[in-house]
Amino acid sequence: MKRIFVILMMAACFCGCDMLLSTTGNTTLGSMSQTELGKAVKELLQTSADNSLAKLGVTNGFFQNGEVKIPFPPALKNVEEKLKQVGFSNQVNQFTEKLNRSAEDAASGVKEIFKTAITQMTINDALGIIRGNDDAATQYMKKTTLSAITSKVTSVVAKSNEKIKLASYWTPLATKYNALMALTGGSQVNTDLTQYVTERTVDGIFKIMAKEEKEIRTKTSARTTSLLQRVFGGSGSSTSTSTSSSSGSTATKTGTPTVGKPATTSSGSSSSSSSSSGSGKTVVKKP
C-alpha cells in the first residue's frame, strides 16, 4: 500500500510539472526541482511582504499614500462635513492624520506572521502560485494569515491609539457633533475607531503587497535574486539586435518574459522569435 501511495505521489508531481510548463510557457521550470520551485515562491512571498511592510510601516507610509490612506470614516461623512462647516477643519485633519499614524505603527508589527505562513507553504501551494494570477501569492497569504493578521493589527492599533492619544482628537469632535445633533434632533455618533483602523490597515497591507508581487512578476528590475529571475524571467533588460546571414538580414528580439505572459519589448508589444545557429541548435521561443 505504501509503495502504491509513493507511486501515485510521483505521478502527481510529474503531472503537476507538465501542467506548469503548459500553462506558464517557461521551459526553464522543467529543469527545476520541487525544492527550487518552492524556494522561489517563498522568495516571491517574502520579498513582496517585506517590500510592502517597509513602505507602509513608516511615518507617512499610509498618510501620504493615496492608494491606502485612511480617510475620515466614510460612515461618518456627515459628521466630517458638519464639523468643517462650524470651523473644525484643522481638528478633522489632525484626527485623520492620527488614524494613519496608528495604521503605520501596526503595519510594522506583522512581519513574523507572514514569515510563519511562508514556512508552512506546500509544493502544491507553490505550483498554484506560479501558474496563478499576478496576485496569486498575495491571495495565498491573505487566505492563510487574515485571522492572525487582523488579531495582531487590532492589538497594535488599540495600543497605538492610546500612545498617540487618538481619543483626545476624536472625543472633542464627537462631543461637538453630538451637541449639534442635540439641537437639531439628529442621531448621536459613536464609532469603534480601533475596528475601523484595523480593517483599513489590513486592506492596505494586502493591497500594496499585491502591487509588489505584480512588480516582481512583470518587471525584471524587481527580481532581486537569481532564483526569482530564473522562475519569473531573465535578469537582462529587453534588447533588440540585428544579425545577417548569407540568406539575408534577420532581426532577433530578446525579451524578458514573465510566467504565463508573452514577452514584451520596451514599447509593450508582444514578441516571439527563434533563431538557428550554425550548429543547427534552435533557441527556444520566448513565451
C-alpha atoms as a PDB file:
ATOM      1  CA  MET A   1       0.000   0.000   0.000  1.00  0.00           C
ATOM      2  CA  LYS A   2       2.832   2.371   0.906  1.00  0.00           C
ATOM      3  CA  ARG A   3       4.570   1.687  -2.411  1.00  0.00           C
ATOM      4  CA  ILE A   4       1.380   2.435  -4.349  1.00  0.00           C
ATOM      5  CA  PHE A   5       0.991   5.706  -2.444  1.00  0.00           C
ATOM      6  CA  VAL A   6       4.541   6.767  -3.313  1.00  0.00           C
ATOM      7  CA  ILE A   7       3.989   5.945  -6.999  1.00  0.00           C
ATOM      8  CA  LEU A   8       0.786   7.990  -7.033  1.00  0.00           C
ATOM      9  CA  MET A   9       2.549  10.928  -5.426  1.00  0.00           C
ATOM     10  CA  MET A  10       5.343  10.792  -8.013  1.00  0.00           C
ATOM     11  CA  ALA A  11       2.819  10.645 -10.833  1.00  0.00           C
ATOM     12  CA  ALA A  12       1.022  13.656  -9.409  1.00  0.00           C
ATOM     13  CA  CYS A  13       4.283  15.533  -9.273  1.00  0.00           C
ATOM     14  CA  PHE A  14       5.129  14.830 -12.924  1.00  0.00           C
ATOM     15  CA  CYS A  15       1.617  15.768 -13.995  1.00  0.00           C
ATOM     16  CA  GLY A  16       1.891  18.955 -11.984  1.00  0.00           C
ATOM     17  CA  CYS A  17       5.187  19.847 -13.657  1.00  0.00           C
ATOM     18  CA  ASP A  18       3.758  19.141 -17.122  1.00  0.00           C
ATOM     19  CA  MET A  19       0.736  21.294 -16.363  1.00  0.00           C
ATOM     20  CA  LEU A  20       3.011  24.017 -15.007  1.00  0.00           C
ATOM     21  CA  LEU A  21       5.039  24.076 -18.202  1.00  0.00           C
ATOM     22  CA  SER A  22       1.960  24.094 -20.406  1.00  0.00           C
ATOM     23  CA  THR A  23       0.340  26.972 -18.526  1.00  0.00           C
ATOM     24  CA  THR A  24       3.393  29.171 -17.972  1.00  0.00           C
ATOM     25  CA  GLY A  25       5.376  28.502 -21.127  1.00  0.00           C
ATOM     26  CA  ASN A  26       8.590  28.849 -19.107  1.00  0.00           C
ATOM     27  CA  THR A  27      10.785  25.962 -20.277  1.00  0.00           C
ATOM     28  CA  THR A  28      13.316  26.688 -17.516  1.00  0.00           C
ATOM     29  CA  LEU A  29      10.874  25.331 -14.943  1.00  0.00           C
ATOM     30  CA  GLY A  30      11.164  21.848 -16.405  1.00  0.00           C
ATOM     31  CA  SER A  31      14.745  21.587 -15.166  1.00  0.00           C
ATOM     32  CA  MET A  32      13.974  22.823 -11.687  1.00  0.00           C
ATOM     33  CA  SER A  33      13.365  20.583  -8.695  1.00  0.00           C
ATOM     34  CA  GLN A  34      10.364  20.869  -6.392  1.00  0.00           C
ATOM     35  CA  THR A  35      12.689  22.284  -3.754  1.00  0.00           C
ATOM     36  CA  GLU A  36      13.848  25.052  -6.085  1.00  0.00           C
ATOM     37  CA  LEU A  37      10.307  25.897  -7.151  1.00  0.00           C
ATOM     38  CA  GLY A  38       9.160  26.007  -3.564  1.00  0.00           C
ATOM     39  CA  LYS A  39      12.084  28.201  -2.569  1.00  0.00           C
ATOM     40  CA  ALA A  40      11.411  30.576  -5.473  1.00  0.00           C
ATOM     41  CA  VAL A  41       7.800  31.080  -4.444  1.00  0.00           C
ATOM     42  CA  LYS A  42       8.847  31.610  -0.832  1.00  0.00           C
ATOM     43  CA  GLU A  43      11.232  34.295  -2.050  1.00  0.00           C
ATOM     44  CA  LEU A  44       8.372  35.858  -4.009  1.00  0.00           C
ATOM     45  CA  LEU A  45       6.184  35.878  -0.906  1.00  0.00           C
ATOM     46  CA  GLN A  46       8.921  37.124   1.400  1.00  0.00           C
ATOM     47  CA  THR A  47      10.063  39.871  -0.951  1.00  0.00           C
ATOM     48  CA  SER A  48       6.506  41.073  -1.581  1.00  0.00           C
ATOM     49  CA  ALA A  49       5.740  41.066   2.140  1.00  0.00           C
ATOM     50  CA  ASP A  50       8.988  42.773   3.150  1.00  0.00           C
ATOM     51  CA  ASN A  51       8.655  45.463   0.496  1.00  0.00           C
ATOM     52  CA  SER A  52       5.060  46.270   1.351  1.00  0.00           C
ATOM     53  CA  LEU A  53       5.671  46.432   5.103  1.00  0.00           C
ATOM     54  CA  ALA A  54       8.802  48.532   4.597  1.00  0.00           C
ATOM     55  CA  LYS A  55       6.757  51.077   2.658  1.00  0.00           C
ATOM     56  CA  LEU A  56       3.747  51.127   4.979  1.00  0.00           C
ATOM     57  CA  GLY A  57       5.297  50.687   8.418  1.00  0.00           C
ATOM     58  CA  VAL A  58       7.000  54.072   8.457  1.00  0.00           C
ATOM     59  CA  THR A  59       5.915  57.657   9.044  1.00  0.00           C
ATOM     60  CA  ASN A  60       3.603  58.728   6.197  1.00  0.00           C
ATOM     61  CA  GLY A  61       3.548  55.168   4.840  1.00  0.00           C
ATOM     62  CA  PHE A  62      -0.234  55.342   4.902  1.00  0.00           C
ATOM     63  CA  PHE A  63      -0.872  59.060   5.334  1.00  0.00           C
ATOM     64  CA  GLN A  64       0.898  60.158   2.149  1.00  0.00           C
ATOM     65  CA  ASN A  65      -0.001  57.125   0.048  1.00  0.00           C
ATOM     66  CA  GLY A  66      -3.175  57.860  -1.886  1.00  0.00           C
ATOM     67  CA  GLU A  67      -3.785  54.151  -2.503  1.00  0.00           C
ATOM     68  CA  VAL A  68      -4.135  53.242   1.164  1.00  0.00           C
ATOM     69  CA  LYS A  69      -4.551  56.497   3.090  1.00  0.00           C
ATOM     70  CA  ILE A  70      -7.201  56.065   5.762  1.00  0.00           C
ATOM     71  CA  PRO A  71      -9.829  58.806   5.431  1.00  0.00           C
ATOM     72  CA  PHE A  72     -12.228  60.173   7.987  1.00  0.00           C
ATOM     73  CA  PRO A  73     -14.644  57.234   8.499  1.00  0.00           C
ATOM     74  CA  PRO A  74     -16.909  57.219   5.407  1.00  0.00           C
ATOM     75  CA  ALA A  75     -19.861  56.142   7.547  1.00  0.00           C
ATOM     76  CA  LEU A  76     -19.418  59.436   9.380  1.00  0.00           C
ATOM     77  CA  LYS A  77     -19.143  61.625   6.280  1.00  0.00           C
ATOM     78  CA  ASN A  78     -21.960  63.808   7.508  1.00  0.00           C
ATOM     79  CA  VAL A  79     -20.044  64.271  10.769  1.00  0.00           C
ATOM     80  CA  GLU A  80     -16.958  65.434   8.895  1.00  0.00           C
ATOM     81  CA  GLU A  81     -18.899  67.877   6.750  1.00  0.00           C
ATOM     82  CA  LYS A  82     -20.852  69.315   9.663  1.00  0.00           C
ATOM     83  CA  LEU A  83     -17.700  69.802  11.752  1.00  0.00           C
ATOM     84  CA  LYS A  84     -15.924  71.592   8.908  1.00  0.00           C
ATOM     85  CA  GLN A  85     -18.907  73.852   8.478  1.00  0.00           C
ATOM     86  CA  VAL A  86     -18.580  75.037  12.088  1.00  0.00           C
ATOM     87  CA  GLY A  87     -14.837  75.705  11.890  1.00  0.00           C
ATOM     88  CA  PHE A  88     -13.316  72.352  12.925  1.00  0.00           C
ATOM     89  CA  SER A  89     -11.403  71.682   9.681  1.00  0.00           C
ATOM     90  CA  ASN A  90      -7.979  71.671  11.347  1.00  0.00           C
ATOM     91  CA  GLN A  91      -9.150  69.290  14.044  1.00  0.00           C
ATOM     92  CA  VAL A  92     -10.670  66.961  11.441  1.00  0.00           C
ATOM     93  CA  ASN A  93      -7.391  66.917   9.502  1.00  0.00           C
ATOM     94  CA  GLN A  94      -5.366  66.248  12.650  1.00  0.00           C
ATOM     95  CA  PHE A  95      -7.674  63.398  13.563  1.00  0.00           C
ATOM     96  CA  THR A  96      -7.335  61.862  10.091  1.00  0.00           C
ATOM     97  CA  GLU A  97      -3.551  62.065  10.328  1.00  0.00           C
ATOM     98  CA  LYS A  98      -3.620  60.248  13.675  1.00  0.00           C
ATOM     99  CA  LEU A  99      -5.732  57.452  12.176  1.00  0.00           C
ATOM    100  CA  ASN A 100      -2.950  56.869   9.659  1.00  0.00           C
ATOM    101  CA  ARG A 101      -0.196  57.078  12.256  1.00  0.00           C
ATOM    102  CA  SER A 102      -1.900  54.238  14.091  1.00  0.00           C
ATOM    103  CA  ALA A 103      -2.014  52.160  10.900  1.00  0.00           C
ATOM    104  CA  GLU A 104       1.668  52.816  10.184  1.00  0.00           C
ATOM    105  CA  ASP A 105       2.539  51.647  13.671  1.00  0.00           C
ATOM    106  CA  ALA A 106       0.516  48.465  13.222  1.00  0.00           C
ATOM    107  CA  ALA A 107       1.923  47.610   9.772  1.00  0.00           C
ATOM    108  CA  SER A 108       5.430  47.296  11.156  1.00  0.00           C
ATOM    109  CA  GLY A 109       4.399  44.574  13.595  1.00  0.00           C
ATOM    110  CA  VAL A 110       3.080  41.752  11.403  1.00  0.00           C
ATOM    111  CA  LYS A 111       6.260  40.511   9.699  1.00  0.00           C
ATOM    112  CA  GLU A 112       6.566  37.388  11.854  1.00  0.00           C
ATOM    113  CA  ILE A 113       3.037  36.272  10.952  1.00  0.00           C
ATOM    114  CA  PHE A 114       3.896  36.390   7.265  1.00  0.00           C
ATOM    115  CA  LYS A 115       7.158  34.576   7.907  1.00  0.00           C
ATOM    116  CA  THR A 116       5.346  31.709   9.644  1.00  0.00           C
ATOM    117  CA  ALA A 117       2.824  31.365   6.813  1.00  0.00           C
ATOM    118  CA  ILE A 118       5.633  31.224   4.250  1.00  0.00           C
ATOM    119  CA  THR A 119       7.454  28.404   6.040  1.00  0.00           C
ATOM    120  CA  GLN A 120       4.250  26.342   6.114  1.00  0.00           C
ATOM    121  CA  MET A 121       3.627  26.552   2.359  1.00  0.00           C
ATOM    122  CA  THR A 122       3.445  23.222   0.475  1.00  0.00           C
ATOM    123  CA  ILE A 123       4.753  22.390  -3.013  1.00  0.00           C
ATOM    124  CA  ASN A 124       1.168  22.270  -4.299  1.00  0.00           C
ATOM    125  CA  ASP A 125       0.652  25.779  -2.970  1.00  0.00           C
ATOM    126  CA  ALA A 126       3.846  26.862  -4.749  1.00  0.00           C
ATOM    127  CA  LEU A 127       2.825  25.363  -8.104  1.00  0.00           C
ATOM    128  CA  GLY A 128      -0.573  27.014  -7.845  1.00  0.00           C
ATOM    129  CA  ILE A 129       1.035  30.377  -7.138  1.00  0.00           C
ATOM    130  CA  ILE A 130       3.487  30.141 -10.056  1.00  0.00           C
ATOM    131  CA  ARG A 131       0.755  29.455 -12.595  1.00  0.00           C
ATOM    132  CA  GLY A 132      -1.744  31.757 -10.895  1.00  0.00           C
ATOM    133  CA  ASN A 133      -2.669  35.398 -11.446  1.00  0.00           C
ATOM    134  CA  ASP A 134      -0.410  38.344 -10.718  1.00  0.00           C
ATOM    135  CA  ASP A 135      -1.675  38.407  -7.124  1.00  0.00           C
ATOM    136  CA  ALA A 136      -1.786  34.636  -6.505  1.00  0.00           C
ATOM    137  CA  ALA A 137       0.902  34.785  -3.807  1.00  0.00           C
ATOM    138  CA  THR A 138      -0.860  37.654  -2.059  1.00  0.00           C
ATOM    139  CA  GLN A 139      -4.177  35.798  -2.140  1.00  0.00           C
ATOM    140  CA  TYR A 140      -2.472  32.739  -0.636  1.00  0.00           C
ATOM    141  CA  MET A 141      -1.020  34.913   2.103  1.00  0.00           C
ATOM    142  CA  LYS A 142      -4.364  36.563   2.759  1.00  0.00           C
ATOM    143  CA  LYS A 143      -6.132  33.216   2.953  1.00  0.00           C
ATOM    144  CA  THR A 144      -3.630  31.751   5.401  1.00  0.00           C
ATOM    145  CA  THR A 145      -2.963  34.790   7.606  1.00  0.00           C
ATOM    146  CA  LEU A 146      -6.067  37.009   7.604  1.00  0.00           C
ATOM    147  CA  SER A 147      -7.300  35.921  11.016  1.00  0.00           C
ATOM    148  CA  ALA A 148      -3.870  36.189  12.659  1.00  0.00           C
ATOM    149  CA  ILE A 149      -3.052  39.472  10.926  1.00  0.00           C
ATOM    150  CA  THR A 150      -6.381  41.007  11.959  1.00  0.00           C
ATOM    151  CA  SER A 151      -5.884  39.933  15.569  1.00  0.00           C
ATOM    152  CA  LYS A 152      -2.336  41.288  15.647  1.00  0.00           C
ATOM    153  CA  VAL A 153      -3.246  44.582  13.986  1.00  0.00           C
ATOM    154  CA  THR A 154      -6.221  45.056  16.322  1.00  0.00           C
ATOM    155  CA  SER A 155      -3.924  44.689  19.320  1.00  0.00           C
ATOM    156  CA  VAL A 156      -1.293  47.066  17.937  1.00  0.00           C
ATOM    157  CA  VAL A 157      -3.864  49.629  16.805  1.00  0.00           C
ATOM    158  CA  ALA A 158      -5.510  49.663  20.221  1.00  0.00           C
ATOM    159  CA  LYS A 159      -2.150  50.309  21.892  1.00  0.00           C
ATOM    160  CA  SER A 160      -1.150  52.804  19.234  1.00  0.00           C
ATOM    161  CA  ASN A 161      -4.420  54.706  19.649  1.00  0.00           C
ATOM    162  CA  GLU A 162      -3.601  55.048  23.315  1.00  0.00           C
ATOM    163  CA  LYS A 163       0.010  56.062  22.621  1.00  0.00           C
ATOM    164  CA  ILE A 164      -0.903  58.806  20.164  1.00  0.00           C
ATOM    165  CA  LYS A 165      -3.936  59.751  22.256  1.00  0.00           C
ATOM    166  CA  LEU A 166      -6.332  59.321  19.345  1.00  0.00           C
ATOM    167  CA  ALA A 167      -9.292  59.695  21.679  1.00  0.00           C
ATOM    168  CA  SER A 168      -8.139  63.196  22.553  1.00  0.00           C
ATOM    169  CA  TYR A 169      -8.584  64.114  18.897  1.00  0.00           C
ATOM    170  CA  TRP A 170     -11.809  62.204  18.411  1.00  0.00           C
ATOM    171  CA  THR A 171     -13.662  62.997  21.641  1.00  0.00           C
ATOM    172  CA  PRO A 172     -13.868  66.794  21.052  1.00  0.00           C
ATOM    173  CA  LEU A 173     -15.129  66.166  17.517  1.00  0.00           C
ATOM    174  CA  ALA A 174     -17.733  63.649  18.648  1.00  0.00           C
ATOM    175  CA  THR A 175     -18.769  65.890  21.530  1.00  0.00           C
ATOM    176  CA  LYS A 176     -19.175  68.914  19.286  1.00  0.00           C
ATOM    177  CA  TYR A 177     -21.127  66.941  16.698  1.00  0.00           C
ATOM    178  CA  ASN A 178     -23.405  65.355  19.303  1.00  0.00           C
ATOM    179  CA  ALA A 179     -24.096  68.801  20.749  1.00  0.00           C
ATOM    180  CA  LEU A 180     -25.188  69.993  17.312  1.00  0.00           C
ATOM    181  CA  MET A 181     -27.362  66.935  16.850  1.00  0.00           C
ATOM    182  CA  ALA A 182     -28.974  67.522  20.233  1.00  0.00           C
ATOM    183  CA  LEU A 183     -30.150  70.897  18.960  1.00  0.00           C
ATOM    184  CA  THR A 184     -31.427  69.554  15.642  1.00  0.00           C
ATOM    185  CA  GLY A 185     -32.786  66.205  16.821  1.00  0.00           C
ATOM    186  CA  GLY A 186     -30.229  64.223  14.794  1.00  0.00           C
ATOM    187  CA  SER A 187     -28.629  60.909  15.761  1.00  0.00           C
ATOM    188  CA  GLN A 188     -25.702  60.858  18.155  1.00  0.00           C
ATOM    189  CA  VAL A 189     -22.390  59.448  16.917  1.00  0.00           C
ATOM    190  CA  ASN A 190     -20.231  56.740  18.431  1.00  0.00           C
ATOM    191  CA  THR A 191     -17.823  54.638  16.394  1.00  0.00           C
ATOM    192  CA  ASP A 192     -15.291  51.910  17.116  1.00  0.00           C
ATOM    193  CA  LEU A 193     -12.108  53.549  15.857  1.00  0.00           C
ATOM    194  CA  THR A 194      -9.944  50.511  16.604  1.00  0.00           C
ATOM    195  CA  GLN A 195     -12.030  48.282  14.344  1.00  0.00           C
ATOM    196  CA  TYR A 196     -12.130  50.906  11.599  1.00  0.00           C
ATOM    197  CA  VAL A 197      -8.363  51.464  11.575  1.00  0.00           C
ATOM    198  CA  THR A 198      -7.720  47.710  11.790  1.00  0.00           C
ATOM    199  CA  GLU A 199      -9.854  46.940   8.740  1.00  0.00           C
ATOM    200  CA  ARG A 200      -8.292  49.698   6.672  1.00  0.00           C
ATOM    201  CA  THR A 201      -4.773  48.742   7.772  1.00  0.00           C
ATOM    202  CA  VAL A 202      -5.203  45.083   6.824  1.00  0.00           C
ATOM    203  CA  ASP A 203      -6.745  46.040   3.473  1.00  0.00           C
ATOM    204  CA  GLY A 204      -3.853  48.408   2.811  1.00  0.00           C
ATOM    205  CA  ILE A 205      -1.187  45.836   3.609  1.00  0.00           C
ATOM    206  CA  PHE A 206      -2.591  43.281   1.168  1.00  0.00           C
ATOM    207  CA  LYS A 207      -3.257  45.906  -1.487  1.00  0.00           C
ATOM    208  CA  ILE A 208       0.369  47.073  -1.518  1.00  0.00           C
ATOM    209  CA  MET A 209       1.622  43.505  -1.227  1.00  0.00           C
ATOM    210  CA  ALA A 210      -0.325  42.575  -4.382  1.00  0.00           C
ATOM    211  CA  LYS A 211       1.258  45.545  -6.140  1.00  0.00           C
ATOM    212  CA  GLU A 212       4.735  44.447  -5.059  1.00  0.00           C
ATOM    213  CA  GLU A 213       4.063  40.885  -6.235  1.00  0.00           C
ATOM    214  CA  LYS A 214       2.960  42.107  -9.657  1.00  0.00           C
ATOM    215  CA  GLU A 215       6.149  44.167  -9.923  1.00  0.00           C
ATOM    216  CA  ILE A 216       8.239  41.042  -9.376  1.00  0.00           C
ATOM    217  CA  ARG A 217       6.239  39.046 -11.901  1.00  0.00           C
ATOM    218  CA  THR A 218       6.292  41.698 -14.609  1.00  0.00           C
ATOM    219  CA  LYS A 219       9.433  43.794 -14.109  1.00  0.00           C
ATOM    220  CA  THR A 220      12.968  42.485 -14.362  1.00  0.00           C
ATOM    221  CA  SER A 221      14.325  45.173 -12.047  1.00  0.00           C
ATOM    222  CA  ALA A 222      12.111  43.906  -9.206  1.00  0.00           C
ATOM    223  CA  ARG A 223      13.571  40.363  -9.293  1.00  0.00           C
ATOM    224  CA  THR A 224      16.320  40.771  -6.755  1.00  0.00           C
ATOM    225  CA  THR A 225      17.565  37.157  -6.632  1.00  0.00           C
ATOM    226  CA  SER A 226      18.828  34.765  -9.279  1.00  0.00           C
ATOM    227  CA  LEU A 227      16.086  32.291  -8.405  1.00  0.00           C
ATOM    228  CA  LEU A 228      13.332  34.854  -8.948  1.00  0.00           C
ATOM    229  CA  GLN A 229      14.946  35.735 -12.282  1.00  0.00           C
ATOM    230  CA  ARG A 230      15.073  32.079 -13.241  1.00  0.00           C
ATOM    231  CA  VAL A 231      11.425  31.385 -12.448  1.00  0.00           C
ATOM    232  CA  PHE A 232       9.799  34.645 -13.453  1.00  0.00           C
ATOM    233  CA  GLY A 233      12.144  35.784 -16.216  1.00  0.00           C
ATOM    234  CA  GLY A 234      15.747  36.630 -17.063  1.00  0.00           C
ATOM    235  CA  SER A 235      17.882  39.331 -15.494  1.00  0.00           C
ATOM    236  CA  GLY A 236      18.610  41.327 -18.626  1.00  0.00           C
ATOM    237  CA  SER A 237      16.599  44.210 -19.996  1.00  0.00           C
ATOM    238  CA  SER A 238      14.781  43.941 -23.297  1.00  0.00           C
ATOM    239  CA  THR A 239      17.105  44.451 -26.236  1.00  0.00           C
ATOM    240  CA  SER A 240      16.913  44.374 -29.978  1.00  0.00           C
ATOM    241  CA  THR A 241      19.755  43.127 -32.165  1.00  0.00           C
ATOM    242  CA  SER A 242      20.217  42.542 -35.859  1.00  0.00           C
ATOM    243  CA  THR A 243      22.189  39.746 -37.450  1.00  0.00           C
ATOM    244  CA  SER A 244      22.891  38.958 -41.057  1.00  0.00           C
ATOM    245  CA  SER A 245      23.386  35.648 -42.824  1.00  0.00           C
ATOM    246  CA  SER A 246      24.078  34.515 -46.370  1.00  0.00           C
ATOM    247  CA  SER A 247      20.363  34.326 -46.960  1.00  0.00           C
ATOM    248  CA  GLY A 248      19.706  37.845 -45.843  1.00  0.00           C
ATOM    249  CA  SER A 249      19.290  40.012 -42.763  1.00  0.00           C
ATOM    250  CA  THR A 250      17.375  38.714 -39.790  1.00  0.00           C
ATOM    251  CA  ALA A 251      16.187  40.751 -36.792  1.00  0.00           C
ATOM    252  CA  THR A 252      16.060  38.993 -33.470  1.00  0.00           C
ATOM    253  CA  LYS A 253      14.324  40.444 -30.421  1.00  0.00           C
ATOM    254  CA  THR A 254      15.094  39.195 -26.976  1.00  0.00           C
ATOM    255  CA  GLY A 255      12.567  39.960 -24.264  1.00  0.00           C
ATOM    256  CA  THR A 256      12.272  39.207 -20.594  1.00  0.00           C
ATOM    257  CA  PRO A 257       9.194  37.007 -20.299  1.00  0.00           C
ATOM    258  CA  THR A 258       7.090  36.680 -17.209  1.00  0.00           C
ATOM    259  CA  VAL A 259       5.493  33.429 -16.205  1.00  0.00           C
ATOM    260  CA  GLY A 260       2.299  32.829 -18.123  1.00  0.00           C
ATOM    261  CA  LYS A 261       2.628  36.065 -20.098  1.00  0.00           C
ATOM    262  CA  PRO A 262       4.109  36.984 -23.503  1.00  0.00           C
ATOM    263  CA  ALA A 263       7.493  38.653 -23.663  1.00  0.00           C
ATOM    264  CA  THR A 264       7.354  42.369 -24.263  1.00  0.00           C
ATOM    265  CA  THR A 265       9.590  44.864 -25.922  1.00  0.00           C
ATOM    266  CA  SER A 266      10.229  48.287 -24.495  1.00  0.00           C
ATOM    267  CA  SER A 267       7.150  49.551 -26.330  1.00  0.00           C
ATOM    268  CA  GLY A 268       4.952  46.960 -24.640  1.00  0.00           C
ATOM    269  CA  SER A 269       4.167  44.879 -27.738  1.00  0.00           C
ATOM    270  CA  SER A 270       4.336  41.093 -27.623  1.00  0.00           C
ATOM    271  CA  SER A 271       7.210  39.425 -29.417  1.00  0.00           C
ATOM    272  CA  SER A 272       8.217  35.863 -30.120  1.00  0.00           C
ATOM    273  CA  SER A 273      11.172  34.687 -32.130  1.00  0.00           C
ATOM    274  CA  SER A 274      13.556  31.819 -32.709  1.00  0.00           C
ATOM    275  CA  SER A 275      16.899  31.661 -34.423  1.00  0.00           C
ATOM    276  CA  SER A 276      19.227  28.945 -35.561  1.00  0.00           C
ATOM    277  CA  SER A 277      22.947  28.779 -35.003  1.00  0.00           C
ATOM    278  CA  GLY A 278      25.428  27.189 -37.309  1.00  0.00           C
ATOM    279  CA  SER A 279      25.321  24.024 -35.232  1.00  0.00           C
ATOM    280  CA  GLY A 280      21.663  23.544 -36.045  1.00  0.00           C
ATOM    281  CA  LYS A 281      20.512  24.153 -32.454  1.00  0.00           C
ATOM    282  CA  THR A 282      17.296  26.069 -32.088  1.00  0.00           C
ATOM    283  CA  VAL A 283      16.863  28.767 -29.499  1.00  0.00           C
ATOM    284  CA  VAL A 284      13.668  28.146 -27.538  1.00  0.00           C
ATOM    285  CA  LYS A 285      10.946  30.584 -28.351  1.00  0.00           C
ATOM    286  CA  LYS A 286      10.134  33.063 -25.650  1.00  0.00           C
ATOM    287  CA  PRO A 287       6.619  32.521 -24.322  1.00  0.00           C
END
